[in-house]
């Protein structure tokens, strides 16, 4: 990979030396390993963020820009939320389970966030919310904490985890397609990292 010459200064690409491509999803035991470590460490923010990232399946840019009002009704964390995706300009709806609601509520209370505040505010002056780069570092740190090689995991891991778990459980591609709101089955195939022929065969078997 070549360096980039910008205004006479040579800049090294951010992903130099890193593996690119589809990232692996987490398994259930790995999710729980991360959760237990965060609970023991008293890391209220990171626990809420990890839980919400997995359940919402949002891209990093959408997750970090969530406001409290996006997931809360008055003082209660909602069981369902709807947000506009920046990349596609489509509304996406997701469920928030009781466990995740509890962790989000604990974070909001601990940080005294108001309804109009960003759910994950930045700790850097002048930056209103956590950056995607900071979120990526958080994800990699939590991956390493359970002895997984973080070169094959990343923020896209959080997006893919719940859909991959549903696919492994049901083999129902049509159901999985609805989670990230893919417009085509082929998009879901790429998202899950499975073979197209196998996907089409499974889709035919699961159609009603």
N, C-alpha and C. Protein backbone atom coordinates (compact mmCIF):
# COMPACT_ATOMS: atom_id res chain seq x y z
N UNK A 1 0.84 -1.19 0.00
CA UNK A 1 0.00 0.00 0.00
C UNK A 1 0.88 1.24 0.00
N UNK A 2 0.57 2.20 -0.91
CA UNK A 2 1.42 3.36 -1.04
C UNK A 2 1.02 4.46 -0.08
N UNK A 3 2.01 5.30 0.26
CA UNK A 3 1.70 6.49 1.05
C UNK A 3 1.12 7.54 0.14
N UNK A 4 0.43 8.51 0.72
CA UNK A 4 -0.25 9.55 -0.04
C UNK A 4 0.47 10.86 0.17
N UNK A 5 0.79 11.54 -0.93
CA UNK A 5 1.49 12.82 -0.87
C UNK A 5 0.46 13.94 -0.89
N UNK A 6 0.25 14.58 0.25
CA UNK A 6 -0.73 15.66 0.36
C UNK A 6 0.00 16.93 0.74
N UNK A 7 0.05 17.89 -0.21
CA UNK A 7 0.69 19.16 0.07
C UNK A 7 2.15 19.02 0.45
N UNK A 8 2.83 18.05 -0.15
CA UNK A 8 4.25 17.87 0.14
C UNK A 8 4.53 16.99 1.34
N UNK A 9 3.51 16.72 2.14
CA UNK A 9 3.69 15.87 3.32
C UNK A 9 3.18 14.47 3.01
N UNK A 10 3.97 13.49 3.36
CA UNK A 10 3.60 12.10 3.08
C UNK A 10 2.81 11.53 4.25
N UNK A 11 1.60 11.13 3.95
CA UNK A 11 0.72 10.58 4.98
C UNK A 11 0.57 9.09 4.78
N UNK A 12 0.61 8.36 5.87
CA UNK A 12 0.43 6.91 5.82
C UNK A 12 -1.05 6.59 5.94
N UNK A 13 -1.63 5.80 5.03
CA UNK A 13 -3.05 5.44 5.13
C UNK A 13 -3.38 4.83 6.48
N UNK A 14 -4.58 5.15 6.98
CA UNK A 14 -4.97 4.71 8.33
C UNK A 14 -5.00 3.19 8.44
N UNK A 15 -5.28 2.49 7.31
CA UNK A 15 -5.42 1.03 7.37
C UNK A 15 -4.17 0.30 6.89
N UNK A 16 -3.02 0.99 6.84
CA UNK A 16 -1.80 0.32 6.42
C UNK A 16 -1.43 -0.77 7.42
N UNK A 17 -1.16 -1.97 6.90
CA UNK A 17 -0.78 -3.09 7.75
C UNK A 17 -1.94 -3.79 8.41
N UNK A 18 -3.20 -3.34 8.13
CA UNK A 18 -4.37 -3.95 8.73
C UNK A 18 -5.11 -4.77 7.69
N UNK A 19 -5.74 -5.84 8.16
CA UNK A 19 -6.54 -6.67 7.27
C UNK A 19 -7.85 -5.96 6.98
N UNK A 20 -8.22 -5.91 5.70
CA UNK A 20 -9.49 -5.31 5.34
C UNK A 20 -10.44 -6.40 4.86
N UNK A 21 -11.71 -6.02 4.66
CA UNK A 21 -12.68 -7.00 4.22
C UNK A 21 -13.70 -7.31 5.31
N UNK A 22 -14.53 -8.31 5.07
CA UNK A 22 -15.60 -8.68 5.99
C UNK A 22 -15.05 -9.09 7.34
N UNK A 23 -15.64 -8.53 8.40
CA UNK A 23 -15.22 -8.86 9.75
C UNK A 23 -16.11 -9.95 10.34
N UNK A 24 -15.53 -10.75 11.21
CA UNK A 24 -16.27 -11.86 11.81
C UNK A 24 -17.28 -11.36 12.83
N UNK A 25 -18.44 -12.01 12.92
CA UNK A 25 -19.39 -11.68 13.99
C UNK A 25 -18.95 -12.34 15.29
N UNK A 26 -19.51 -11.89 16.38
CA UNK A 26 -19.23 -12.50 17.68
C UNK A 26 -20.18 -13.67 17.92
N UNK A 27 -19.71 -14.65 18.69
CA UNK A 27 -20.56 -15.74 19.13
C UNK A 27 -21.16 -15.36 20.49
N UNK A 28 -22.23 -16.08 20.86
CA UNK A 28 -22.94 -15.73 22.08
C UNK A 28 -22.03 -15.77 23.31
N UNK A 29 -21.18 -16.79 23.41
CA UNK A 29 -20.30 -16.90 24.57
C UNK A 29 -19.29 -15.75 24.60
N UNK A 30 -18.93 -15.24 23.43
CA UNK A 30 -18.00 -14.12 23.37
C UNK A 30 -18.68 -12.82 23.79
N UNK A 31 -19.93 -12.66 23.40
CA UNK A 31 -20.70 -11.49 23.84
C UNK A 31 -20.79 -11.45 25.35
N UNK A 32 -21.11 -12.62 25.93
CA UNK A 32 -21.24 -12.67 27.39
C UNK A 32 -19.91 -12.46 28.08
N UNK A 33 -18.83 -12.93 27.49
CA UNK A 33 -17.51 -12.71 28.07
C UNK A 33 -17.20 -11.22 28.14
N UNK A 34 -17.53 -10.49 27.08
CA UNK A 34 -17.31 -9.04 27.05
C UNK A 34 -18.21 -8.36 28.08
N UNK A 35 -19.47 -8.75 28.13
CA UNK A 35 -20.41 -8.14 29.08
C UNK A 35 -19.96 -8.33 30.52
N UNK A 36 -19.54 -9.54 30.84
CA UNK A 36 -19.12 -9.83 32.22
C UNK A 36 -17.90 -8.99 32.60
N UNK A 37 -16.95 -8.85 31.69
CA UNK A 37 -15.77 -8.03 31.95
C UNK A 37 -16.15 -6.57 32.17
N UNK A 38 -17.06 -6.07 31.36
CA UNK A 38 -17.49 -4.69 31.50
C UNK A 38 -18.25 -4.46 32.81
N UNK A 39 -19.07 -5.43 33.18
CA UNK A 39 -19.81 -5.32 34.44
C UNK A 39 -18.86 -5.32 35.63
N UNK A 40 -17.89 -6.22 35.61
CA UNK A 40 -16.92 -6.29 36.71
C UNK A 40 -16.06 -5.03 36.78
N UNK A 41 -15.80 -4.43 35.62
CA UNK A 41 -14.99 -3.21 35.59
C UNK A 41 -15.81 -1.96 35.91
N UNK A 42 -17.11 -2.11 35.97
CA UNK A 42 -17.98 -0.96 36.24
C UNK A 42 -18.00 0.03 35.08
N UNK A 43 -17.79 -0.47 33.87
CA UNK A 43 -17.74 0.39 32.69
C UNK A 43 -19.15 0.55 32.12
N UNK A 44 -19.90 1.46 32.72
CA UNK A 44 -21.31 1.64 32.39
C UNK A 44 -21.51 2.08 30.94
N UNK A 45 -20.70 3.05 30.51
CA UNK A 45 -20.85 3.54 29.14
C UNK A 45 -20.57 2.47 28.10
N UNK A 46 -19.45 1.76 28.27
CA UNK A 46 -19.05 0.76 27.27
C UNK A 46 -20.03 -0.39 27.22
N UNK A 47 -20.59 -0.77 28.38
CA UNK A 47 -21.58 -1.84 28.41
C UNK A 47 -22.82 -1.43 27.64
N UNK A 48 -23.29 -0.21 27.86
CA UNK A 48 -24.46 0.28 27.14
C UNK A 48 -24.19 0.35 25.65
N UNK A 49 -23.00 0.79 25.29
CA UNK A 49 -22.66 0.95 23.87
C UNK A 49 -22.54 -0.40 23.17
N UNK A 50 -21.89 -1.36 23.80
CA UNK A 50 -21.74 -2.68 23.21
C UNK A 50 -23.11 -3.34 23.03
N UNK A 51 -23.93 -3.28 24.07
CA UNK A 51 -25.26 -3.88 23.98
C UNK A 51 -26.09 -3.24 22.88
N UNK A 52 -26.08 -1.90 22.83
CA UNK A 52 -26.89 -1.20 21.84
C UNK A 52 -26.34 -1.39 20.43
N UNK A 53 -25.03 -1.46 20.29
CA UNK A 53 -24.43 -1.67 18.97
C UNK A 53 -24.87 -3.01 18.38
N UNK A 54 -24.88 -4.04 19.20
CA UNK A 54 -25.27 -5.37 18.74
C UNK A 54 -26.75 -5.42 18.39
N UNK A 55 -27.58 -4.83 19.22
CA UNK A 55 -29.02 -4.93 19.00
C UNK A 55 -29.52 -4.01 17.88
N UNK A 56 -28.92 -2.83 17.76
CA UNK A 56 -29.39 -1.88 16.76
C UNK A 56 -28.90 -2.20 15.36
N UNK A 57 -27.71 -2.84 15.28
CA UNK A 57 -27.07 -3.16 13.99
C UNK A 57 -26.77 -1.88 13.20
N UNK A 58 -26.56 -0.78 13.90
CA UNK A 58 -26.28 0.49 13.25
C UNK A 58 -24.81 0.61 12.86
N UNK A 59 -24.56 1.35 11.79
CA UNK A 59 -23.19 1.69 11.45
C UNK A 59 -22.59 2.58 12.55
N UNK A 60 -21.28 2.62 12.61
CA UNK A 60 -20.61 3.41 13.63
C UNK A 60 -21.04 4.88 13.58
N UNK A 61 -21.17 5.42 12.35
CA UNK A 61 -21.54 6.83 12.22
C UNK A 61 -22.94 7.12 12.76
N UNK A 62 -23.84 6.14 12.70
CA UNK A 62 -25.20 6.32 13.22
C UNK A 62 -25.25 6.06 14.72
N UNK A 63 -24.53 5.06 15.17
CA UNK A 63 -24.52 4.73 16.60
C UNK A 63 -23.96 5.88 17.43
N UNK A 64 -22.84 6.44 16.98
CA UNK A 64 -22.19 7.50 17.77
C UNK A 64 -22.99 8.80 17.77
N UNK A 65 -23.92 8.96 16.83
CA UNK A 65 -24.73 10.18 16.76
C UNK A 65 -26.12 10.02 17.37
N UNK A 66 -26.37 8.90 18.01
CA UNK A 66 -27.66 8.72 18.68
C UNK A 66 -27.83 9.76 19.79
N UNK A 67 -29.02 10.27 19.90
CA UNK A 67 -29.36 11.15 21.02
C UNK A 67 -30.21 10.37 22.02
N UNK A 68 -30.26 10.86 23.22
CA UNK A 68 -31.04 10.20 24.27
C UNK A 68 -32.49 10.05 23.81
N UNK A 69 -33.02 11.09 23.16
CA UNK A 69 -34.42 11.06 22.72
C UNK A 69 -34.69 10.00 21.66
N UNK A 70 -33.64 9.51 21.00
CA UNK A 70 -33.82 8.46 19.98
C UNK A 70 -34.21 7.12 20.60
N UNK A 71 -33.81 6.91 21.84
CA UNK A 71 -34.06 5.61 22.47
C UNK A 71 -34.91 5.73 23.74
N UNK A 72 -35.24 6.94 24.13
CA UNK A 72 -36.00 7.14 25.37
C UNK A 72 -37.31 7.86 25.11
N UNK A 73 -38.33 7.45 25.84
CA UNK A 73 -39.59 8.15 25.90
C UNK A 73 -39.74 8.63 27.34
N UNK A 74 -39.66 9.95 27.52
CA UNK A 74 -39.63 10.52 28.86
C UNK A 74 -38.43 9.94 29.60
N UNK A 75 -38.67 9.28 30.73
CA UNK A 75 -37.55 8.73 31.50
C UNK A 75 -37.35 7.24 31.25
N UNK A 76 -38.10 6.69 30.30
CA UNK A 76 -38.05 5.25 30.06
C UNK A 76 -37.35 4.94 28.74
N UNK A 77 -36.47 3.96 28.76
CA UNK A 77 -35.84 3.50 27.53
C UNK A 77 -36.86 2.65 26.77
N UNK A 78 -37.06 2.97 25.50
CA UNK A 78 -38.10 2.33 24.71
C UNK A 78 -37.73 0.89 24.34
N UNK A 79 -38.76 0.09 24.12
CA UNK A 79 -38.54 -1.29 23.69
C UNK A 79 -38.21 -1.34 22.20
N UNK A 80 -38.57 -0.29 21.46
CA UNK A 80 -38.25 -0.19 20.03
C UNK A 80 -37.83 1.24 19.72
N UNK A 81 -36.96 1.38 18.77
CA UNK A 81 -36.50 2.70 18.35
C UNK A 81 -36.41 2.76 16.84
N UNK A 82 -36.55 3.95 16.29
CA UNK A 82 -36.45 4.18 14.86
C UNK A 82 -35.52 5.35 14.61
N UNK A 83 -34.52 5.16 13.76
CA UNK A 83 -33.58 6.24 13.45
C UNK A 83 -33.35 6.30 11.94
N UNK A 84 -32.93 7.47 11.48
CA UNK A 84 -32.60 7.67 10.07
C UNK A 84 -31.13 7.35 9.85
N UNK A 85 -30.83 6.48 8.90
CA UNK A 85 -29.45 6.14 8.59
C UNK A 85 -28.83 7.22 7.71
N UNK A 86 -27.62 7.64 8.05
CA UNK A 86 -26.97 8.69 7.27
C UNK A 86 -26.61 8.23 5.87
N UNK A 87 -26.11 7.03 5.73
CA UNK A 87 -25.63 6.56 4.43
C UNK A 87 -26.75 6.35 3.44
N UNK A 88 -27.83 5.72 3.86
CA UNK A 88 -28.91 5.36 2.95
C UNK A 88 -30.10 6.30 3.01
N UNK A 89 -30.15 7.14 4.06
CA UNK A 89 -31.29 8.02 4.29
C UNK A 89 -32.59 7.23 4.41
N UNK A 90 -32.47 6.03 4.96
CA UNK A 90 -33.63 5.19 5.22
C UNK A 90 -33.84 5.06 6.72
N UNK A 91 -35.11 4.96 7.08
CA UNK A 91 -35.42 4.71 8.48
C UNK A 91 -35.16 3.25 8.80
N UNK A 92 -34.55 3.00 9.94
CA UNK A 92 -34.34 1.63 10.38
C UNK A 92 -34.91 1.50 11.79
N UNK A 93 -35.61 0.42 12.01
CA UNK A 93 -36.25 0.17 13.30
C UNK A 93 -35.59 -1.03 13.96
N UNK A 94 -35.40 -0.95 15.27
CA UNK A 94 -34.78 -2.07 15.98
C UNK A 94 -35.37 -2.19 17.38
N UNK A 95 -35.31 -3.42 17.87
CA UNK A 95 -35.79 -3.69 19.22
C UNK A 95 -34.66 -3.50 20.23
N UNK A 96 -35.04 -3.11 21.44
CA UNK A 96 -34.08 -2.97 22.53
C UNK A 96 -34.54 -3.89 23.65
N UNK A 97 -33.80 -4.93 23.91
CA UNK A 97 -34.21 -5.91 24.91
C UNK A 97 -34.09 -5.34 26.32
N UNK A 98 -34.69 -6.04 27.24
CA UNK A 98 -34.71 -5.58 28.63
C UNK A 98 -33.30 -5.38 29.19
N UNK A 99 -32.40 -6.31 28.86
CA UNK A 99 -31.03 -6.21 29.36
C UNK A 99 -30.34 -4.96 28.84
N UNK A 100 -30.52 -4.68 27.56
CA UNK A 100 -29.91 -3.49 26.97
C UNK A 100 -30.57 -2.23 27.50
N UNK A 101 -31.88 -2.26 27.67
CA UNK A 101 -32.58 -1.09 28.23
C UNK A 101 -32.03 -0.75 29.61
N UNK A 102 -31.77 -1.78 30.41
CA UNK A 102 -31.25 -1.55 31.76
C UNK A 102 -29.86 -0.92 31.71
N UNK A 103 -29.01 -1.39 30.79
CA UNK A 103 -27.65 -0.84 30.71
C UNK A 103 -27.65 0.58 30.17
N UNK A 104 -28.54 0.87 29.20
CA UNK A 104 -28.65 2.23 28.66
C UNK A 104 -29.19 3.18 29.72
N UNK A 105 -30.20 2.74 30.46
CA UNK A 105 -30.77 3.57 31.52
C UNK A 105 -29.74 3.87 32.60
N UNK A 106 -28.93 2.87 32.95
CA UNK A 106 -27.90 3.08 33.96
C UNK A 106 -26.87 4.10 33.49
N UNK A 107 -26.52 4.05 32.20
CA UNK A 107 -25.55 5.00 31.64
C UNK A 107 -26.12 6.42 31.62
N UNK A 108 -27.37 6.56 31.21
CA UNK A 108 -28.01 7.88 31.16
C UNK A 108 -28.08 8.49 32.56
N UNK A 109 -28.42 7.67 33.54
CA UNK A 109 -28.51 8.15 34.92
C UNK A 109 -27.14 8.52 35.47
N UNK A 110 -26.14 7.67 35.21
CA UNK A 110 -24.80 7.91 35.75
C UNK A 110 -24.17 9.16 35.17
N UNK A 111 -24.48 9.46 33.91
CA UNK A 111 -23.88 10.62 33.25
C UNK A 111 -24.80 11.84 33.23
N UNK A 112 -26.00 11.70 33.84
CA UNK A 112 -26.96 12.81 33.95
C UNK A 112 -27.27 13.43 32.59
N UNK A 113 -27.57 12.60 31.61
CA UNK A 113 -27.85 13.08 30.26
C UNK A 113 -29.29 13.57 30.13
N UNK A 114 -29.46 14.66 29.40
CA UNK A 114 -30.79 15.19 29.13
C UNK A 114 -31.30 14.62 27.81
N UNK A 115 -32.58 14.85 27.53
CA UNK A 115 -33.22 14.27 26.36
C UNK A 115 -32.54 14.67 25.06
N UNK A 116 -32.08 15.91 24.95
CA UNK A 116 -31.48 16.40 23.71
C UNK A 116 -29.99 16.10 23.61
N UNK A 117 -29.41 15.53 24.64
CA UNK A 117 -27.98 15.24 24.63
C UNK A 117 -27.67 14.05 23.73
N UNK A 118 -26.44 14.02 23.24
CA UNK A 118 -25.98 12.80 22.55
C UNK A 118 -25.85 11.69 23.58
N UNK A 119 -26.24 10.50 23.17
CA UNK A 119 -26.20 9.37 24.10
C UNK A 119 -24.78 9.02 24.51
N UNK A 120 -23.85 9.19 23.58
CA UNK A 120 -22.44 8.91 23.87
C UNK A 120 -21.60 10.15 23.56
N UNK A 121 -21.65 11.14 24.47
CA UNK A 121 -20.93 12.39 24.23
C UNK A 121 -19.42 12.19 24.24
N UNK A 122 -18.76 13.08 23.52
CA UNK A 122 -17.30 13.03 23.46
C UNK A 122 -16.71 13.60 24.74
N UNK A 123 -15.54 13.09 25.10
CA UNK A 123 -14.81 13.62 26.24
C UNK A 123 -13.77 14.65 25.81
N UNK A 124 -13.78 14.95 24.50
CA UNK A 124 -12.85 15.93 23.94
C UNK A 124 -13.59 17.24 23.74
N UNK A 125 -13.01 18.31 24.20
CA UNK A 125 -13.64 19.62 24.10
C UNK A 125 -13.85 19.99 22.63
N UNK A 126 -15.03 20.49 22.32
CA UNK A 126 -15.33 20.91 20.96
C UNK A 126 -15.92 19.82 20.09
N UNK A 127 -15.93 18.60 20.55
CA UNK A 127 -16.53 17.48 19.81
C UNK A 127 -17.81 17.05 20.53
N UNK A 128 -18.98 17.16 19.89
CA UNK A 128 -20.24 16.91 20.59
C UNK A 128 -20.52 15.46 20.95
N UNK A 129 -20.04 14.53 20.14
CA UNK A 129 -20.31 13.12 20.40
C UNK A 129 -19.05 12.30 20.14
N UNK A 130 -19.05 11.07 20.61
CA UNK A 130 -17.92 10.19 20.38
C UNK A 130 -17.66 10.05 18.89
N UNK A 131 -16.40 10.06 18.50
CA UNK A 131 -16.05 9.90 17.09
C UNK A 131 -16.09 8.42 16.71
N UNK A 132 -16.21 8.17 15.41
CA UNK A 132 -16.20 6.78 14.95
C UNK A 132 -14.84 6.14 15.19
N UNK A 133 -13.78 6.94 15.13
CA UNK A 133 -12.44 6.41 15.40
C UNK A 133 -12.32 5.96 16.86
N UNK A 134 -12.86 6.78 17.75
CA UNK A 134 -12.84 6.43 19.17
C UNK A 134 -13.68 5.18 19.42
N UNK A 135 -14.82 5.09 18.77
CA UNK A 135 -15.67 3.90 18.90
C UNK A 135 -14.94 2.66 18.40
N UNK A 136 -14.23 2.79 17.28
CA UNK A 136 -13.48 1.66 16.73
C UNK A 136 -12.42 1.19 17.71
N UNK A 137 -11.73 2.14 18.36
CA UNK A 137 -10.72 1.76 19.35
C UNK A 137 -11.36 1.04 20.53
N UNK A 138 -12.55 1.49 20.92
CA UNK A 138 -13.27 0.86 22.02
C UNK A 138 -13.60 -0.60 21.68
N UNK A 139 -14.11 -0.80 20.46
CA UNK A 139 -14.47 -2.16 20.03
C UNK A 139 -13.24 -3.06 20.03
N UNK A 140 -12.15 -2.59 19.45
CA UNK A 140 -10.93 -3.40 19.39
C UNK A 140 -10.39 -3.73 20.79
N UNK A 141 -10.49 -2.76 21.68
CA UNK A 141 -10.01 -3.01 23.04
C UNK A 141 -10.83 -4.09 23.72
N UNK A 142 -12.14 -4.07 23.51
CA UNK A 142 -13.00 -5.07 24.14
C UNK A 142 -12.81 -6.44 23.49
N UNK A 143 -12.54 -6.47 22.21
CA UNK A 143 -12.25 -7.73 21.52
C UNK A 143 -10.98 -8.35 22.09
N UNK A 144 -9.96 -7.53 22.26
CA UNK A 144 -8.69 -8.03 22.81
C UNK A 144 -8.84 -8.49 24.24
N UNK A 145 -9.77 -7.91 24.97
CA UNK A 145 -9.93 -8.25 26.38
C UNK A 145 -10.38 -9.69 26.59
N UNK A 146 -10.97 -10.31 25.54
CA UNK A 146 -11.38 -11.71 25.67
C UNK A 146 -10.50 -12.61 24.79
N UNK A 147 -9.30 -12.11 24.51
CA UNK A 147 -8.25 -12.90 23.83
C UNK A 147 -8.61 -13.28 22.40
N UNK A 148 -9.35 -12.41 21.70
CA UNK A 148 -9.60 -12.62 20.28
C UNK A 148 -8.67 -11.71 19.49
N UNK A 149 -8.23 -12.16 18.33
CA UNK A 149 -7.37 -11.33 17.49
C UNK A 149 -8.18 -10.24 16.83
N UNK A 150 -7.92 -9.01 17.19
CA UNK A 150 -8.80 -7.94 16.71
C UNK A 150 -8.59 -7.57 15.25
N UNK A 151 -7.63 -8.19 14.56
CA UNK A 151 -7.46 -7.90 13.14
C UNK A 151 -8.61 -8.44 12.30
N UNK A 152 -9.30 -9.45 12.80
CA UNK A 152 -10.43 -10.04 12.07
C UNK A 152 -11.78 -9.60 12.63
N UNK A 153 -11.75 -8.65 13.56
CA UNK A 153 -12.98 -8.11 14.15
C UNK A 153 -12.92 -6.59 14.07
N UNK A 154 -14.07 -5.96 14.11
CA UNK A 154 -14.11 -4.51 14.05
C UNK A 154 -15.51 -4.00 14.32
N UNK A 155 -15.75 -2.73 13.98
CA UNK A 155 -17.08 -2.17 14.22
C UNK A 155 -18.16 -2.89 13.43
N UNK A 156 -17.80 -3.40 12.23
CA UNK A 156 -18.78 -4.14 11.44
C UNK A 156 -19.15 -5.46 12.10
N UNK A 157 -18.27 -5.94 12.98
CA UNK A 157 -18.59 -7.13 13.78
C UNK A 157 -19.86 -6.90 14.59
N UNK A 158 -19.98 -5.71 15.18
CA UNK A 158 -21.14 -5.41 16.02
C UNK A 158 -22.41 -5.37 15.19
N UNK A 159 -22.30 -4.87 13.94
CA UNK A 159 -23.46 -4.81 13.06
C UNK A 159 -23.93 -6.19 12.64
N UNK A 160 -22.97 -7.09 12.42
CA UNK A 160 -23.30 -8.40 11.84
C UNK A 160 -23.70 -9.45 12.86
N UNK A 161 -23.38 -9.22 14.14
CA UNK A 161 -23.51 -10.28 15.14
C UNK A 161 -24.94 -10.80 15.29
N UNK A 162 -25.89 -9.92 15.50
CA UNK A 162 -27.26 -10.39 15.76
C UNK A 162 -27.86 -11.07 14.53
N UNK A 163 -27.62 -10.50 13.34
CA UNK A 163 -28.13 -11.11 12.12
C UNK A 163 -27.51 -12.48 11.90
N UNK A 164 -26.22 -12.60 12.19
CA UNK A 164 -25.54 -13.89 12.01
C UNK A 164 -26.07 -14.93 12.98
N UNK A 165 -26.37 -14.51 14.20
CA UNK A 165 -26.94 -15.44 15.19
C UNK A 165 -28.31 -15.93 14.75
N UNK A 166 -29.12 -15.02 14.20
CA UNK A 166 -30.44 -15.42 13.71
C UNK A 166 -30.31 -16.37 12.53
N UNK A 167 -29.37 -16.08 11.64
CA UNK A 167 -29.18 -16.94 10.48
C UNK A 167 -28.74 -18.34 10.90
N UNK A 168 -27.79 -18.42 11.84
CA UNK A 168 -27.33 -19.75 12.29
C UNK A 168 -28.45 -20.52 12.97
N UNK A 169 -29.35 -19.81 13.62
CA UNK A 169 -30.43 -20.48 14.34
C UNK A 169 -31.55 -20.93 13.41
N UNK A 170 -31.89 -20.11 12.40
CA UNK A 170 -33.07 -20.40 11.59
C UNK A 170 -32.76 -20.75 10.14
N UNK A 171 -31.60 -20.34 9.61
CA UNK A 171 -31.26 -20.49 8.20
C UNK A 171 -32.27 -19.77 7.31
N UNK A 172 -32.97 -18.78 7.87
CA UNK A 172 -34.00 -18.05 7.13
C UNK A 172 -33.44 -16.72 6.65
N UNK A 173 -33.01 -16.68 5.38
CA UNK A 173 -32.40 -15.46 4.85
C UNK A 173 -33.39 -14.31 4.73
N UNK A 174 -34.64 -14.64 4.43
CA UNK A 174 -35.64 -13.58 4.30
C UNK A 174 -35.82 -12.84 5.62
N UNK A 175 -35.81 -13.57 6.71
CA UNK A 175 -35.95 -12.94 8.02
C UNK A 175 -34.73 -12.08 8.33
N UNK A 176 -33.55 -12.60 8.01
CA UNK A 176 -32.31 -11.86 8.26
C UNK A 176 -32.27 -10.60 7.41
N UNK A 177 -32.78 -10.67 6.19
CA UNK A 177 -32.76 -9.53 5.28
C UNK A 177 -33.49 -8.33 5.86
N UNK A 178 -34.50 -8.58 6.67
CA UNK A 178 -35.29 -7.49 7.24
C UNK A 178 -34.56 -6.74 8.34
N UNK A 179 -33.60 -7.39 9.00
CA UNK A 179 -32.94 -6.75 10.15
C UNK A 179 -32.14 -5.52 9.76
N UNK A 180 -31.18 -5.63 8.82
CA UNK A 180 -30.45 -4.44 8.41
C UNK A 180 -31.12 -3.68 7.28
N UNK A 181 -32.36 -4.10 6.90
CA UNK A 181 -33.12 -3.44 5.85
C UNK A 181 -32.40 -3.47 4.51
N UNK A 182 -31.88 -4.64 4.14
CA UNK A 182 -31.24 -4.78 2.84
C UNK A 182 -32.30 -4.77 1.74
N UNK A 183 -31.98 -4.12 0.62
CA UNK A 183 -32.94 -4.04 -0.47
C UNK A 183 -32.95 -5.31 -1.32
N UNK A 184 -31.84 -6.07 -1.32
CA UNK A 184 -31.76 -7.30 -2.11
C UNK A 184 -31.20 -8.44 -1.26
N UNK A 185 -31.52 -9.65 -1.71
CA UNK A 185 -31.01 -10.83 -1.03
C UNK A 185 -29.50 -10.91 -1.16
N UNK A 186 -28.98 -10.46 -2.31
CA UNK A 186 -27.54 -10.50 -2.53
C UNK A 186 -26.78 -9.66 -1.51
N UNK A 187 -27.39 -8.54 -1.10
CA UNK A 187 -26.76 -7.70 -0.07
C UNK A 187 -26.67 -8.45 1.25
N UNK A 188 -27.71 -9.20 1.57
CA UNK A 188 -27.70 -10.00 2.80
C UNK A 188 -26.66 -11.10 2.73
N UNK A 189 -26.51 -11.70 1.55
CA UNK A 189 -25.50 -12.75 1.35
C UNK A 189 -24.11 -12.21 1.63
N UNK A 190 -23.80 -11.04 1.05
CA UNK A 190 -22.49 -10.43 1.29
C UNK A 190 -22.32 -10.06 2.75
N UNK A 191 -23.40 -9.58 3.36
CA UNK A 191 -23.40 -9.17 4.76
C UNK A 191 -23.03 -10.35 5.67
N UNK A 192 -23.59 -11.52 5.35
CA UNK A 192 -23.35 -12.70 6.16
C UNK A 192 -22.09 -13.45 5.76
N UNK A 193 -21.61 -13.21 4.52
CA UNK A 193 -20.40 -13.88 4.06
C UNK A 193 -20.62 -15.33 3.70
N UNK A 194 -21.77 -15.64 3.10
CA UNK A 194 -22.05 -17.02 2.69
C UNK A 194 -22.09 -17.10 1.17
N UNK A 195 -22.11 -18.31 0.64
CA UNK A 195 -22.09 -18.50 -0.80
C UNK A 195 -23.45 -18.19 -1.41
N UNK A 196 -23.45 -17.56 -2.59
CA UNK A 196 -24.70 -17.15 -3.24
C UNK A 196 -25.58 -18.35 -3.55
N UNK A 197 -25.02 -19.42 -4.12
CA UNK A 197 -25.83 -20.59 -4.48
C UNK A 197 -26.50 -21.20 -3.25
N UNK A 198 -25.72 -21.30 -2.16
CA UNK A 198 -26.29 -21.84 -0.93
C UNK A 198 -27.40 -20.93 -0.42
N UNK A 199 -27.20 -19.63 -0.54
CA UNK A 199 -28.18 -18.67 -0.06
C UNK A 199 -29.49 -18.79 -0.83
N UNK A 200 -29.40 -18.88 -2.14
CA UNK A 200 -30.60 -18.98 -2.96
C UNK A 200 -31.35 -20.28 -2.68
N UNK A 201 -30.60 -21.36 -2.49
CA UNK A 201 -31.24 -22.64 -2.16
C UNK A 201 -31.98 -22.57 -0.83
N UNK A 202 -31.33 -21.94 0.15
CA UNK A 202 -31.97 -21.81 1.46
C UNK A 202 -33.19 -20.91 1.39
N UNK A 203 -33.10 -19.85 0.59
CA UNK A 203 -34.22 -18.93 0.44
C UNK A 203 -35.43 -19.63 -0.14
N UNK A 204 -35.20 -20.49 -1.13
CA UNK A 204 -36.29 -21.25 -1.73
C UNK A 204 -36.94 -22.18 -0.72
N UNK A 205 -36.12 -22.74 0.14
CA UNK A 205 -36.64 -23.68 1.15
C UNK A 205 -37.41 -22.97 2.24
N UNK A 206 -37.12 -21.68 2.48
CA UNK A 206 -37.76 -20.98 3.59
C UNK A 206 -38.90 -20.09 3.14
N UNK A 207 -39.11 -19.94 1.81
CA UNK A 207 -40.24 -19.15 1.33
C UNK A 207 -41.55 -19.84 1.69
N UNK A 208 -42.57 -19.04 1.99
CA UNK A 208 -43.89 -19.60 2.30
C UNK A 208 -44.91 -19.05 1.33
